[in-house]
PDB file of N, CA and C in Angstrom:
ATOM      1  N   UNK A   1      -2.994 -24.366  17.745  1.00  0.00           N
ATOM      2  CA  UNK A   1      -4.326 -23.763  16.707  1.00  0.00           C
ATOM      3  C   UNK A   1      -4.256 -22.550  16.577  1.00  0.00           C
ATOM      4  N   UNK A   2      -4.627 -21.651  15.994  1.00  0.00           N
ATOM      5  CA  UNK A   2      -4.305 -19.887  15.976  1.00  0.00           C
ATOM      6  C   UNK A   2      -5.348 -19.227  16.808  1.00  0.00           C
ATOM      7  N   UNK A   3      -5.308 -18.515  17.251  1.00  0.00           N
ATOM      8  CA  UNK A   3      -6.358 -17.815  18.107  1.00  0.00           C
ATOM      9  C   UNK A   3      -7.083 -16.858  17.676  1.00  0.00           C
ATOM     10  N   UNK A   4      -6.668 -16.253  16.155  1.00  0.00           N
ATOM     11  CA  UNK A   4      -7.291 -15.503  15.659  1.00  0.00           C
ATOM     12  C   UNK A   4      -6.666 -15.478  13.929  1.00  0.00           C
ATOM     13  N   UNK A   5      -7.324 -15.087  13.241  1.00  0.00           N
ATOM     14  CA  UNK A   5      -6.888 -14.713  11.596  1.00  0.00           C
ATOM     15  C   UNK A   5      -7.101 -13.728  11.364  1.00  0.00           C
ATOM     16  N   UNK A   6      -5.994 -12.886  10.115  1.00  0.00           N
ATOM     17  CA  UNK A   6      -6.086 -11.358   9.625  1.00  0.00           C
ATOM     18  C   UNK A   6      -7.216 -11.570   8.793  1.00  0.00           C
ATOM     19  N   UNK A   7      -8.551 -10.800   9.092  1.00  0.00           N
ATOM     20  CA  UNK A   7      -9.273 -10.385   8.896  1.00  0.00           C
ATOM     21  C   UNK A   7      -9.258  -9.093   7.611  1.00  0.00           C
ATOM     22  N   UNK A   8      -8.305  -8.084   8.096  1.00  0.00           N
ATOM     23  CA  UNK A   8      -8.292  -6.582   7.109  1.00  0.00           C
ATOM     24  C   UNK A   8      -7.046  -6.239   7.370  1.00  0.00           C
ATOM     25  N   UNK A   9      -6.387  -5.690   6.690  1.00  0.00           N
ATOM     26  CA  UNK A   9      -5.409  -4.972   6.856  1.00  0.00           C
ATOM     27  C   UNK A   9      -6.042  -3.330   6.604  1.00  0.00           C
ATOM     28  N   UNK A  10      -5.379  -2.763   7.673  1.00  0.00           N
ATOM     29  CA  UNK A  10      -6.341  -1.497   7.603  1.00  0.00           C
ATOM     30  C   UNK A  10      -5.465  -0.695   7.703  1.00  0.00           C
ATOM     31  N   UNK A  11      -5.624   0.713   6.402  1.00  0.00           N
ATOM     32  CA  UNK A  11      -4.952   1.996   6.511  1.00  0.00           C
ATOM     33  C   UNK A  11      -6.066   3.088   6.632  1.00  0.00           C
ATOM     34  N   UNK A  12      -5.397   3.808   7.662  1.00  0.00           N
ATOM     35  CA  UNK A  12      -5.954   5.356   7.677  1.00  0.00           C
ATOM     36  C   UNK A  12      -5.547   6.228   6.683  1.00  0.00           C
ATOM     37  N   UNK A  13      -6.514   7.051   6.271  1.00  0.00           N
ATOM     38  CA  UNK A  13      -6.084   8.138   5.208  1.00  0.00           C
ATOM     39  C   UNK A  13      -6.903   9.383   5.461  1.00  0.00           C
ATOM     40  N   UNK A  14      -6.901  10.243   4.424  1.00  0.00           N
ATOM     41  CA  UNK A  14      -8.053  11.307   4.501  1.00  0.00           C
ATOM     42  C   UNK A  14      -8.974  10.877   3.388  1.00  0.00           C
ATOM     43  N   UNK A  15      -8.686  10.067   2.597  1.00  0.00           N
ATOM     44  CA  UNK A  15     -10.126   9.758   1.561  1.00  0.00           C
ATOM     45  C   UNK A  15      -9.985   8.444   1.407  1.00  0.00           C
ATOM     46  N   UNK A  16     -10.618   7.541   1.712  1.00  0.00           N
ATOM     47  CA  UNK A  16     -10.642   6.096   1.625  1.00  0.00           C
ATOM     48  C   UNK A  16     -11.044   5.512   0.174  1.00  0.00           C
ATOM     49  N   UNK A  17     -11.613   6.676   0.042  1.00  0.00           N
ATOM     50  CA  UNK A  17     -12.537   6.015  -1.445  1.00  0.00           C
ATOM     51  C   UNK A  17     -10.925   6.413  -2.799  1.00  0.00           C
ATOM     52  N   UNK A  18     -10.475   7.302  -2.807  1.00  0.00           N
ATOM     53  CA  UNK A  18      -9.530   7.756  -3.758  1.00  0.00           C
ATOM     54  C   UNK A  18      -8.016   6.607  -3.230  1.00  0.00           C
ATOM     55  N   UNK A  19      -7.611   6.323  -1.971  1.00  0.00           N
ATOM     56  CA  UNK A  19      -6.624   5.235  -1.781  1.00  0.00           C
ATOM     57  C   UNK A  19      -6.436   4.136  -2.145  1.00  0.00           C
ATOM     58  N   UNK A  20      -8.032   3.395  -1.828  1.00  0.00           N
ATOM     59  CA  UNK A  20      -8.734   2.400  -2.291  1.00  0.00           C
ATOM     60  C   UNK A  20      -8.425   1.957  -3.896  1.00  0.00           C
ATOM     61  N   UNK A  21      -8.670   2.857  -4.621  1.00  0.00           N
ATOM     62  CA  UNK A  21      -8.721   3.250  -6.400  1.00  0.00           C
ATOM     63  C   UNK A  21      -7.125   2.971  -6.455  1.00  0.00           C
ATOM     64  N   UNK A  22      -6.288   3.833  -6.056  1.00  0.00           N
ATOM     65  CA  UNK A  22      -4.870   3.376  -6.410  1.00  0.00           C
ATOM     66  C   UNK A  22      -4.642   1.874  -5.598  1.00  0.00           C
ATOM     67  N   UNK A  23      -4.987   1.551  -4.967  1.00  0.00           N
ATOM     68  CA  UNK A  23      -4.784  -0.146  -4.442  1.00  0.00           C
ATOM     69  C   UNK A  23      -5.349  -0.827  -4.990  1.00  0.00           C
ATOM     70  N   UNK A  24      -6.271  -0.765  -5.724  1.00  0.00           N
ATOM     71  CA  UNK A  24      -7.366  -1.972  -6.881  1.00  0.00           C
ATOM     72  C   UNK A  24      -6.403  -1.616  -8.327  1.00  0.00           C
ATOM     73  N   UNK A  25      -5.958  -0.946  -8.313  1.00  0.00           N
ATOM     74  CA  UNK A  25      -4.758  -0.334  -9.605  1.00  0.00           C
ATOM     75  C   UNK A  25      -3.508  -1.316  -9.518  1.00  0.00           C
ATOM     76  N   UNK A  26      -2.978  -1.550  -8.246  1.00  0.00           N
ATOM     77  CA  UNK A  26      -2.015  -2.192  -8.044  1.00  0.00           C
ATOM     78  C   UNK A  26      -2.500  -3.526  -7.656  1.00  0.00           C
ATOM     79  N   UNK A  27      -3.036  -4.013  -7.156  1.00  0.00           N
ATOM     80  CA  UNK A  27      -3.254  -5.720  -6.620  1.00  0.00           C
ATOM     81  C   UNK A  27      -4.597  -5.912  -7.165  1.00  0.00           C
ATOM     82  N   UNK A  28      -5.288  -5.009  -8.241  1.00  0.00           N
ATOM     83  CA  UNK A  28      -6.778  -5.962  -8.804  1.00  0.00           C
ATOM     84  C   UNK A  28      -7.506  -6.113  -7.538  1.00  0.00           C
ATOM     85  N   UNK A  29      -8.774  -6.573  -7.660  1.00  0.00           N
ATOM     86  CA  UNK A  29      -9.615  -7.053  -6.703  1.00  0.00           C
ATOM     87  C   UNK A  29     -11.107  -6.303  -6.800  1.00  0.00           C
ATOM     88  N   UNK A  30     -11.637  -6.303  -6.132  1.00  0.00           N
ATOM     89  CA  UNK A  30     -13.355  -5.570  -6.208  1.00  0.00           C
ATOM     90  C   UNK A  30     -13.296  -4.645  -4.758  1.00  0.00           C
ATOM     91  N   UNK A  31     -13.869  -3.060  -5.220  1.00  0.00           N
ATOM     92  CA  UNK A  31     -13.586  -1.926  -4.336  1.00  0.00           C
ATOM     93  C   UNK A  31     -15.437  -2.325  -3.959  1.00  0.00           C
ATOM     94  N   UNK A  32     -15.199  -2.512  -2.298  1.00  0.00           N
ATOM     95  CA  UNK A  32     -16.636  -2.252  -1.591  1.00  0.00           C
ATOM     96  C   UNK A  32     -16.829  -1.026  -0.943  1.00  0.00           C
ATOM     97  N   UNK A  33     -17.748  -0.259  -1.173  1.00  0.00           N
ATOM     98  CA  UNK A  33     -17.494   1.132  -0.578  1.00  0.00           C
ATOM     99  C   UNK A  33     -18.900   1.300   0.167  1.00  0.00           C
ATOM    100  N   UNK A  34     -18.266   1.895   1.630  1.00  0.00           N
ATOM    101  CA  UNK A  34     -19.152   2.640   2.640  1.00  0.00           C
ATOM    102  C   UNK A  34     -19.348   3.572   2.615  1.00  0.00           C
ATOM    103  N   UNK A  35     -19.597   4.502   3.735  1.00  0.00           N
ATOM    104  CA  UNK A  35     -19.666   5.789   3.855  1.00  0.00           C
ATOM    105  C   UNK A  35     -17.849   6.272   4.365  1.00  0.00           C
ATOM    106  N   UNK A  36     -17.565   6.110   5.576  1.00  0.00           N
ATOM    107  CA  UNK A  36     -16.390   6.201   5.942  1.00  0.00           C
ATOM    108  C   UNK A  36     -15.303   4.929   5.836  1.00  0.00           C
ATOM    109  N   UNK A  37     -15.680   4.052   4.872  1.00  0.00           N
ATOM    110  CA  UNK A  37     -14.807   2.746   5.137  1.00  0.00           C
ATOM    111  C   UNK A  37     -15.160   2.311   3.986  1.00  0.00           C
ATOM    112  N   UNK A  38     -13.838   1.581   3.271  1.00  0.00           N
ATOM    113  CA  UNK A  38     -13.821   1.471   1.994  1.00  0.00           C
ATOM    114  C   UNK A  38     -12.960  -0.049   1.901  1.00  0.00           C
ATOM    115  N   UNK A  39     -13.720  -0.950   1.456  1.00  0.00           N
ATOM    116  CA  UNK A  39     -12.534  -2.020   1.575  1.00  0.00           C
ATOM    117  C   UNK A  39     -12.681  -2.542   0.093  1.00  0.00           C
ATOM    118  N   UNK A  40     -10.821  -3.506  -0.292  1.00  0.00           N
ATOM    119  CA  UNK A  40     -10.480  -3.871  -1.072  1.00  0.00           C
ATOM    120  C   UNK A  40     -10.301  -5.154  -1.118  1.00  0.00           C
ATOM    121  N   UNK A  41     -11.390  -6.077  -1.930  1.00  0.00           N
ATOM    122  CA  UNK A  41     -11.211  -7.776  -1.610  1.00  0.00           C
ATOM    123  C   UNK A  41     -10.351  -8.025  -2.782  1.00  0.00           C
ATOM    124  N   UNK A  42      -9.129  -8.257  -2.406  1.00  0.00           N
ATOM    125  CA  UNK A  42      -8.410  -9.256  -3.475  1.00  0.00           C
ATOM    126  C   UNK A  42      -8.304 -10.654  -3.589  1.00  0.00           C
ATOM    127  N   UNK A  43      -8.127 -11.406  -4.436  1.00  0.00           N
ATOM    128  CA  UNK A  43      -8.512 -12.842  -4.769  1.00  0.00           C
ATOM    129  C   UNK A  43      -7.492 -13.139  -3.986  1.00  0.00           C
ATOM    130  N   UNK A  44      -7.380 -14.448  -3.365  1.00  0.00           N
ATOM    131  CA  UNK A  44      -6.265 -15.354  -2.436  1.00  0.00           C
ATOM    132  C   UNK A  44      -5.666 -14.069  -1.716  1.00  0.00           C
ATOM    133  N   UNK A  45      -6.108 -12.951  -1.218  1.00  0.00           N
ATOM    134  CA  UNK A  45      -5.125 -12.085  -0.141  1.00  0.00           C
ATOM    135  C   UNK A  45      -6.183 -11.547   0.657  1.00  0.00           C
ATOM    136  N   UNK A  46      -5.773 -11.066   1.624  1.00  0.00           N
ATOM    137  CA  UNK A  46      -6.186 -10.291   3.072  1.00  0.00           C
ATOM    138  C   UNK A  46      -7.241  -9.144   2.430  1.00  0.00           C
ATOM    139  N   UNK A  47      -8.384  -8.927   2.721  1.00  0.00           N
ATOM    140  CA  UNK A  47      -9.282  -7.612   2.689  1.00  0.00           C
ATOM    141  C   UNK A  47      -7.752  -6.474   3.079  1.00  0.00           C
ATOM    142  N   UNK A  48      -7.743  -5.428   2.050  1.00  0.00           N
ATOM    143  CA  UNK A  48      -7.094  -4.483   2.238  1.00  0.00           C
ATOM    144  C   UNK A  48      -8.382  -3.362   2.674  1.00  0.00           C
ATOM    145  N   UNK A  49      -8.366  -2.812   3.780  1.00  0.00           N
ATOM    146  CA  UNK A  49      -9.420  -1.751   4.120  1.00  0.00           C
ATOM    147  C   UNK A  49      -8.907  -0.170   4.188  1.00  0.00           C
ATOM    148  N   UNK A  50      -9.816   0.742   3.974  1.00  0.00           N
ATOM    149  CA  UNK A  50      -9.096   2.144   4.294  1.00  0.00           C
ATOM    150  C   UNK A  50     -10.377   2.897   5.223  1.00  0.00           C
ATOM    151  N   UNK A  51      -9.848   3.526   6.143  1.00  0.00           N
ATOM    152  CA  UNK A  51     -10.907   4.480   6.880  1.00  0.00           C
ATOM    153  C   UNK A  51     -10.646   5.390   6.662  1.00  0.00           C
ATOM    154  N   UNK A  52     -11.309   6.523   7.194  1.00  0.00           N
ATOM    155  CA  UNK A  52     -11.094   8.061   7.423  1.00  0.00           C
ATOM    156  C   UNK A  52     -10.358   8.439   8.512  1.00  0.00           C
ATOM    157  N   UNK A  53      -9.495   9.099   7.994  1.00  0.00           N
ATOM    158  CA  UNK A  53      -8.692   9.878   9.262  1.00  0.00           C
ATOM    159  C   UNK A  53      -8.298  11.624   9.189  1.00  0.00           C
ATOM    160  N   UNK A  54      -9.328  12.240   9.300  1.00  0.00           N
ATOM    161  CA  UNK A  54      -9.280  13.412   8.803  1.00  0.00           C
ATOM    162  C   UNK A  54      -7.848  14.322   9.390  1.00  0.00           C
ATOM    163  N   UNK A  55      -7.402  13.756  10.803  1.00  0.00           N
ATOM    164  CA  UNK A  55      -6.059  14.720  11.076  1.00  0.00           C
ATOM    165  C   UNK A  55      -5.015  13.568  10.318  1.00  0.00           C
ATOM    166  N   UNK A  56      -4.756  12.556   9.382  1.00  0.00           N
ATOM    167  CA  UNK A  56      -3.806  11.708   8.901  1.00  0.00           C
ATOM    168  C   UNK A  56      -2.408  12.270   8.808  1.00  0.00           C
ATOM    169  N   UNK A  57      -1.359  12.180   9.219  1.00  0.00           N
ATOM    170  CA  UNK A  57      -0.352  12.511   9.031  1.00  0.00           C
ATOM    171  C   UNK A  57       0.554  11.598   8.325  1.00  0.00           C
ATOM    172  N   UNK A  58       1.149  11.416   7.152  1.00  0.00           N
ATOM    173  CA  UNK A  58       2.184  10.061   7.071  1.00  0.00           C
ATOM    174  C   UNK A  58       3.108  10.119   7.547  1.00  0.00           C
ATOM    175  N   UNK A  59       3.989   8.745   7.610  1.00  0.00           N
ATOM    176  CA  UNK A  59       4.885   8.261   8.387  1.00  0.00           C
ATOM    177  C   UNK A  59       6.166   9.040   7.586  1.00  0.00           C
ATOM    178  N   UNK A  60       7.269   8.911   8.287  1.00  0.00           N
ATOM    179  CA  UNK A  60       8.448   9.477   7.280  1.00  0.00           C
ATOM    180  C   UNK A  60       9.321   8.557   7.166  1.00  0.00           C
ATOM    181  N   UNK A  61       9.879   7.949   6.245  1.00  0.00           N
ATOM    182  CA  UNK A  61      10.582   6.692   5.800  1.00  0.00           C
ATOM    183  C   UNK A  61      11.864   7.844   4.981  1.00  0.00           C
ATOM    184  N   UNK A  62      13.114   7.055   4.998  1.00  0.00           N
ATOM    185  CA  UNK A  62      13.181   6.636   6.659  1.00  0.00           C
ATOM    186  C   UNK A  62      13.373   7.668   7.639  1.00  0.00           C
ATOM    187  N   UNK A  63      13.569   7.147   8.536  1.00  0.00           N
ATOM    188  CA  UNK A  63      13.208   8.083   9.549  1.00  0.00           C
ATOM    189  C   UNK A  63      13.806   7.266  10.906  1.00  0.00           C
ATOM    190  N   UNK A  64      14.987   8.005  11.865  1.00  0.00           N
ATOM    191  CA  UNK A  64      15.431   7.174  12.755  1.00  0.00           C
ATOM    192  C   UNK A  64      14.810   7.533  13.975  1.00  0.00           C
ATOM    193  N   UNK A  65      13.873   9.082  13.958  1.00  0.00           N
ATOM    194  CA  UNK A  65      13.038   9.476  15.025  1.00  0.00           C
ATOM    195  C   UNK A  65      12.059   8.782  15.016  1.00  0.00           C
ATOM    196  N   UNK A  66      11.837   8.230  13.954  1.00  0.00           N
ATOM    197  CA  UNK A  66      10.126   7.293  13.941  1.00  0.00           C
ATOM    198  C   UNK A  66      10.041   6.578  13.339  1.00  0.00           C
ATOM    199  N   UNK A  67       8.706   5.629  13.353  1.00  0.00           N
ATOM    200  CA  UNK A  67       8.643   4.327  12.691  1.00  0.00           C
ATOM    201  C   UNK A  67       7.961   4.500  11.520  1.00  0.00           C
ATOM    202  N   UNK A  68       7.772   3.295  10.449  1.00  0.00           N
ATOM    203  CA  UNK A  68       7.221   3.799   9.123  1.00  0.00           C
ATOM    204  C   UNK A  68       5.255   2.993  10.081  1.00  0.00           C
ATOM    205  N   UNK A  69       5.493   2.678  11.157  1.00  0.00           N
ATOM    206  CA  UNK A  69       4.174   2.121  11.525  1.00  0.00           C
ATOM    207  C   UNK A  69       3.919   0.623  11.057  1.00  0.00           C
ATOM    208  N   UNK A  70       3.922   0.652   9.740  1.00  0.00           N
ATOM    209  CA  UNK A  70       3.587  -0.677   9.177  1.00  0.00           C
ATOM    210  C   UNK A  70       4.065  -0.430   7.524  1.00  0.00           C
ATOM    211  N   UNK A  71       4.173  -1.151   6.340  1.00  0.00           N
ATOM    212  CA  UNK A  71       4.189  -1.215   4.983  1.00  0.00           C
ATOM    213  C   UNK A  71       4.019  -2.753   4.592  1.00  0.00           C
ATOM    214  N   UNK A  72       3.285  -2.565   3.369  1.00  0.00           N
ATOM    215  CA  UNK A  72       3.319  -3.497   2.777  1.00  0.00           C
ATOM    216  C   UNK A  72       4.496  -4.113   1.711  1.00  0.00           C
ATOM    217  N   UNK A  73       4.594  -5.411   1.611  1.00  0.00           N
ATOM    218  CA  UNK A  73       5.495  -5.734   0.772  1.00  0.00           C
ATOM    219  C   UNK A  73       4.495  -6.355  -0.624  1.00  0.00           C
ATOM    220  N   UNK A  74       4.658  -6.089  -1.748  1.00  0.00           N
ATOM    221  CA  UNK A  74       3.788  -6.626  -2.966  1.00  0.00           C
ATOM    222  C   UNK A  74       4.924  -7.010  -3.550  1.00  0.00           C
ATOM    223  N   UNK A  75       4.929  -8.812  -3.815  1.00  0.00           N
ATOM    224  CA  UNK A  75       5.455  -9.106  -4.786  1.00  0.00           C
ATOM    225  C   UNK A  75       5.233  -9.190  -6.352  1.00  0.00           C
ATOM    226  N   UNK A  76       5.615  -9.009  -7.100  1.00  0.00           N
ATOM    227  CA  UNK A  76       5.569  -8.699  -8.533  1.00  0.00           C
ATOM    228  C   UNK A  76       6.892  -9.597  -9.279  1.00  0.00           C
ATOM    229  N   UNK A  77       6.672  -9.991 -10.614  1.00  0.00           N
ATOM    230  CA  UNK A  77       7.375 -10.738 -11.598  1.00  0.00           C
ATOM    231  C   UNK A  77       8.519  -9.615 -11.981  1.00  0.00           C
ATOM    232  N   UNK A  78       7.992  -8.483 -12.577  1.00  0.00           N
ATOM    233  CA  UNK A  78       9.063  -7.634 -13.101  1.00  0.00           C
ATOM    234  C   UNK A  78       9.516  -6.425 -12.539  1.00  0.00           C
ATOM    235  N   UNK A  79      10.366  -6.046 -11.976  1.00  0.00           N
ATOM    236  CA  UNK A  79      10.411  -4.884 -11.140  1.00  0.00           C
ATOM    237  C   UNK A  79       9.946  -3.410 -11.705  1.00  0.00           C
ATOM    238  N   UNK A  80      10.690  -3.636 -12.954  1.00  0.00           N
ATOM    239  CA  UNK A  80      10.412  -2.392 -14.106  1.00  0.00           C
ATOM    240  C   UNK A  80       9.409  -2.213 -14.376  1.00  0.00           C
ATOM    241  N   UNK A  81       8.623  -2.919 -14.792  1.00  0.00           N
ATOM    242  CA  UNK A  81       7.313  -2.803 -15.001  1.00  0.00           C
ATOM    243  C   UNK A  81       6.462  -2.861 -13.979  1.00  0.00           C
ATOM    244  N   UNK A  82       6.620  -3.142 -12.938  1.00  0.00           N
ATOM    245  CA  UNK A  82       5.381  -2.513 -11.606  1.00  0.00           C
ATOM    246  C   UNK A  82       6.093  -1.563 -11.451  1.00  0.00           C
ATOM    247  N   UNK A  83       6.723  -1.067 -11.453  1.00  0.00           N
ATOM    248  CA  UNK A  83       7.306   0.296 -10.995  1.00  0.00           C
ATOM    249  C   UNK A  83       6.740   1.325 -12.274  1.00  0.00           C
ATOM    250  N   UNK A  84       7.134   1.030 -13.298  1.00  0.00           N
ATOM    251  CA  UNK A  84       5.900   2.177 -14.099  1.00  0.00           C
ATOM    252  C   UNK A  84       4.801   1.981 -13.906  1.00  0.00           C
ATOM    253  N   UNK A  85       4.280   0.994 -13.621  1.00  0.00           N
ATOM    254  CA  UNK A  85       2.548   0.973 -13.272  1.00  0.00           C
ATOM    255  C   UNK A  85       2.471   1.898 -11.811  1.00  0.00           C
ATOM    256  N   UNK A  86       3.116   1.412 -10.556  1.00  0.00           N
ATOM    257  CA  UNK A  86       2.488   2.268  -9.749  1.00  0.00           C
ATOM    258  C   UNK A  86       3.229   3.716  -9.815  1.00  0.00           C
ATOM    259  N   UNK A  87       3.941   4.023 -10.583  1.00  0.00           N
ATOM    260  CA  UNK A  87       4.192   5.706 -10.695  1.00  0.00           C
ATOM    261  C   UNK A  87       3.287   6.355 -11.425  1.00  0.00           C
ATOM    262  N   UNK A  88       2.526   5.315 -12.685  1.00  0.00           N
ATOM    263  CA  UNK A  88       1.463   6.044 -13.248  1.00  0.00           C
ATOM    264  C   UNK A  88       0.513   6.366 -12.232  1.00  0.00           C
ATOM    265  N   UNK A  89       0.180   5.264 -11.463  1.00  0.00           N
ATOM    266  CA  UNK A  89      -1.251   5.360 -10.133  1.00  0.00           C
ATOM    267  C   UNK A  89      -0.948   6.746  -9.651  1.00  0.00           C
ATOM    268  N   UNK A  90       0.480   6.953  -9.478  1.00  0.00           N
ATOM    269  CA  UNK A  90       0.320   7.920  -8.404  1.00  0.00           C
ATOM    270  C   UNK A  90       1.425   7.729  -7.509  1.00  0.00           C
ATOM    271  N   UNK A  91       2.043   6.878  -7.367  1.00  0.00           N
ATOM    272  CA  UNK A  91       3.229   6.270  -6.149  1.00  0.00           C
ATOM    273  C   UNK A  91       4.561   6.963  -6.344  1.00  0.00           C
ATOM    274  N   UNK A  92       5.215   7.436  -5.223  1.00  0.00           N
ATOM    275  CA  UNK A  92       6.480   8.232  -4.780  1.00  0.00           C
ATOM    276  C   UNK A  92       7.403   7.467  -4.461  1.00  0.00           C
ATOM    277  N   UNK A  93       8.664   7.283  -5.607  1.00  0.00           N
ATOM    278  CA  UNK A  93       9.755   6.709  -5.000  1.00  0.00           C
ATOM    279  C   UNK A  93      10.162   7.032  -3.777  1.00  0.00           C
ATOM    280  N   UNK A  94      10.660   6.020  -3.152  1.00  0.00           N
ATOM    281  CA  UNK A  94      11.415   6.416  -1.851  1.00  0.00           C
ATOM    282  C   UNK A  94      13.068   5.900  -1.898  1.00  0.00           C
ATOM    283  N   UNK A  95      13.051   4.711  -1.965  1.00  0.00           N
ATOM    284  CA  UNK A  95      14.325   4.366  -2.312  1.00  0.00           C
ATOM    285  C   UNK A  95      14.308   2.993  -3.517  1.00  0.00           C
ATOM    286  N   UNK A  96      14.414   3.590  -4.756  1.00  0.00           N
ATOM    287  CA  UNK A  96      14.359   2.971  -5.701  1.00  0.00           C
ATOM    288  C   UNK A  96      15.131   2.870  -6.779  1.00  0.00           C
ATOM    289  N   UNK A  97      16.339   3.666  -6.152  1.00  0.00           N
ATOM    290  CA  UNK A  97      17.650   3.693  -7.438  1.00  0.00           C
ATOM    291  C   UNK A  97      18.100   2.611  -7.375  1.00  0.00           C
ATOM    292  N   UNK A  98      18.768   1.685  -6.613  1.00  0.00           N
ATOM    293  CA  UNK A  98      19.622   0.899  -6.592  1.00  0.00           C
ATOM    294  C   UNK A  98      18.658  -0.475  -7.159  1.00  0.00           C
ATOM    295  N   UNK A  99      19.306  -0.499  -8.887  1.00  0.00           N
ATOM    296  CA  UNK A  99      18.466  -1.133  -9.583  1.00  0.00           C
ATOM    297  C   UNK A  99      18.989  -2.921  -9.151  1.00  0.00           C
ATOM    298  N   UNK A 100      19.987  -3.178  -8.682  1.00  0.00           N
ATOM    299  CA  UNK A 100      20.658  -4.599  -8.065  1.00  0.00           C
ATOM    300  C   UNK A 100      20.319  -5.033  -7.381  1.00  0.00           C
ATOM    301  N   UNK A 101      19.265  -4.544  -6.356  1.00  0.00           N
ATOM    302  CA  UNK A 101      18.675  -5.210  -5.403  1.00  0.00           C
ATOM    303  C   UNK A 101      17.227  -5.842  -5.857  1.00  0.00           C
ATOM    304  N   UNK A 102      16.630  -6.578  -4.692  1.00  0.00           N
ATOM    305  CA  UNK A 102      15.463  -7.247  -5.206  1.00  0.00           C
ATOM    306  C   UNK A 102      14.032  -6.766  -4.586  1.00  0.00           C
ATOM    307  N   UNK A 103      14.309  -5.397  -4.514  1.00  0.00           N
ATOM    308  CA  UNK A 103      12.892  -4.804  -3.820  1.00  0.00           C
ATOM    309  C   UNK A 103      13.452  -3.191  -4.244  1.00  0.00           C
ATOM    310  N   UNK A 104      12.322  -2.311  -4.331  1.00  0.00           N
ATOM    311  CA  UNK A 104      12.156  -1.089  -4.439  1.00  0.00           C
ATOM    312  C   UNK A 104      11.132  -0.518  -3.320  1.00  0.00           C
ATOM    313  N   UNK A 105      11.715   0.719  -2.793  1.00  0.00           N
ATOM    314  CA  UNK A 105      10.499   1.434  -1.867  1.00  0.00           C
ATOM    315  C   UNK A 105       9.720   2.497  -2.485  1.00  0.00           C
ATOM    316  N   UNK A 106       8.489   2.506  -2.090  1.00  0.00           N
ATOM    317  CA  UNK A 106       8.123   3.498  -2.787  1.00  0.00           C
ATOM    318  C   UNK A 106       6.645   4.357  -1.761  1.00  0.00           C
ATOM    319  N   UNK A 107       6.098   5.217  -1.961  1.00  0.00           N
ATOM    320  CA  UNK A 107       5.397   5.846  -1.021  1.00  0.00           C
ATOM    321  C   UNK A 107       3.600   6.051  -2.036  1.00  0.00           C
ATOM    322  N   UNK A 108       2.663   5.219  -1.418  1.00  0.00           N
ATOM    323  CA  UNK A 108       1.339   5.339  -2.055  1.00  0.00           C
ATOM    324  C   UNK A 108       0.910   7.005  -2.069  1.00  0.00           C
ATOM    325  N   UNK A 109      -0.021   7.213  -2.799  1.00  0.00           N
ATOM    326  CA  UNK A 109      -0.721   8.626  -2.657  1.00  0.00           C
ATOM    327  C   UNK A 109      -0.869   9.628  -1.550  1.00  0.00           C
ATOM    328  N   UNK A 110      -0.865   8.889   0.014  1.00  0.00           N
ATOM    329  CA  UNK A 110      -0.980   9.638   1.149  1.00  0.00           C
ATOM    330  C   UNK A 110       0.160   9.554   1.736  1.00  0.00           C
ATOM    331  N   UNK A 111       1.002   8.454   1.138  1.00  0.00           N
ATOM    332  CA  UNK A 111       2.568   8.657   2.227  1.00  0.00           C
ATOM    333  C   UNK A 111       2.768   7.201   2.811  1.00  0.00           C
ATOM    334  N   UNK A 112       1.850   6.190   2.864  1.00  0.00           N
ATOM    335  CA  UNK A 112       2.404   5.081   3.318  1.00  0.00           C
ATOM    336  C   UNK A 112       2.913   4.307   2.492  1.00  0.00           C
ATOM    337  N   UNK A 113       4.349   3.654   3.285  1.00  0.00           N
ATOM    338  CA  UNK A 113       5.519   3.149   2.569  1.00  0.00           C
ATOM    339  C   UNK A 113       5.186   1.424   2.112  1.00  0.00           C
ATOM    340  N   UNK A 114       5.270   1.462   0.646  1.00  0.00           N
ATOM    341  CA  UNK A 114       5.314  -0.051   0.297  1.00  0.00           C
ATOM    342  C   UNK A 114       6.558  -0.376  -0.570  1.00  0.00           C
ATOM    343  N   UNK A 115       6.872  -1.811  -0.333  1.00  0.00           N
ATOM    344  CA  UNK A 115       7.997  -2.235  -1.454  1.00  0.00           C
ATOM    345  C   UNK A 115       7.219  -3.074  -2.478  1.00  0.00           C
ATOM    346  N   UNK A 116       8.135  -2.911  -3.507  1.00  0.00           N
ATOM    347  CA  UNK A 116       7.968  -3.757  -4.591  1.00  0.00           C
ATOM    348  C   UNK A 116       9.216  -5.033  -4.421  1.00  0.00           C
ATOM    349  N   UNK A 117       8.361  -6.206  -4.188  1.00  0.00           N
ATOM    350  CA  UNK A 117      10.111  -7.167  -4.491  1.00  0.00           C
ATOM    351  C   UNK A 117       9.891  -8.440  -5.358  1.00  0.00           C
ATOM    352  N   UNK A 118      10.883  -8.547  -5.822  1.00  0.00           N
ATOM    353  CA  UNK A 118      10.783  -9.561  -7.113  1.00  0.00           C
ATOM    354  C   UNK A 118      11.759 -10.578  -6.199  1.00  0.00           C
ATOM    355  N   UNK A 119      10.890 -11.571  -5.330  1.00  0.00           N
ATOM    356  CA  UNK A 119      11.768 -12.229  -4.013  1.00  0.00           C
ATOM    357  C   UNK A 119      11.457 -13.797  -4.188  1.00  0.00           C
TER     358      UNK A 119
END
């Protein structure tokens, strides 16, 4: 028996409303807006929440001196089609040149790394 279950994955950011909009464009779901906390409720998945962090500093990727802190692996059917969509939503490529791999790495609009995976 588990001690706990995942209630939400929470990302710090300067503007939770904007970042929730980005991830709603990527994952679908419903945005539930509160003052300094915004939740994205995705059918069949955990809640992705966004909280205000006025002094937010994005992680550096890759960086031997620091860590990513965390990242999301997002499973997709078609890497090329998904890449086109996330770039249009404001993602930035971090490591997406190797087209033979089954994953590509991007940063969301405030710098959190995430992978699109055809795994």
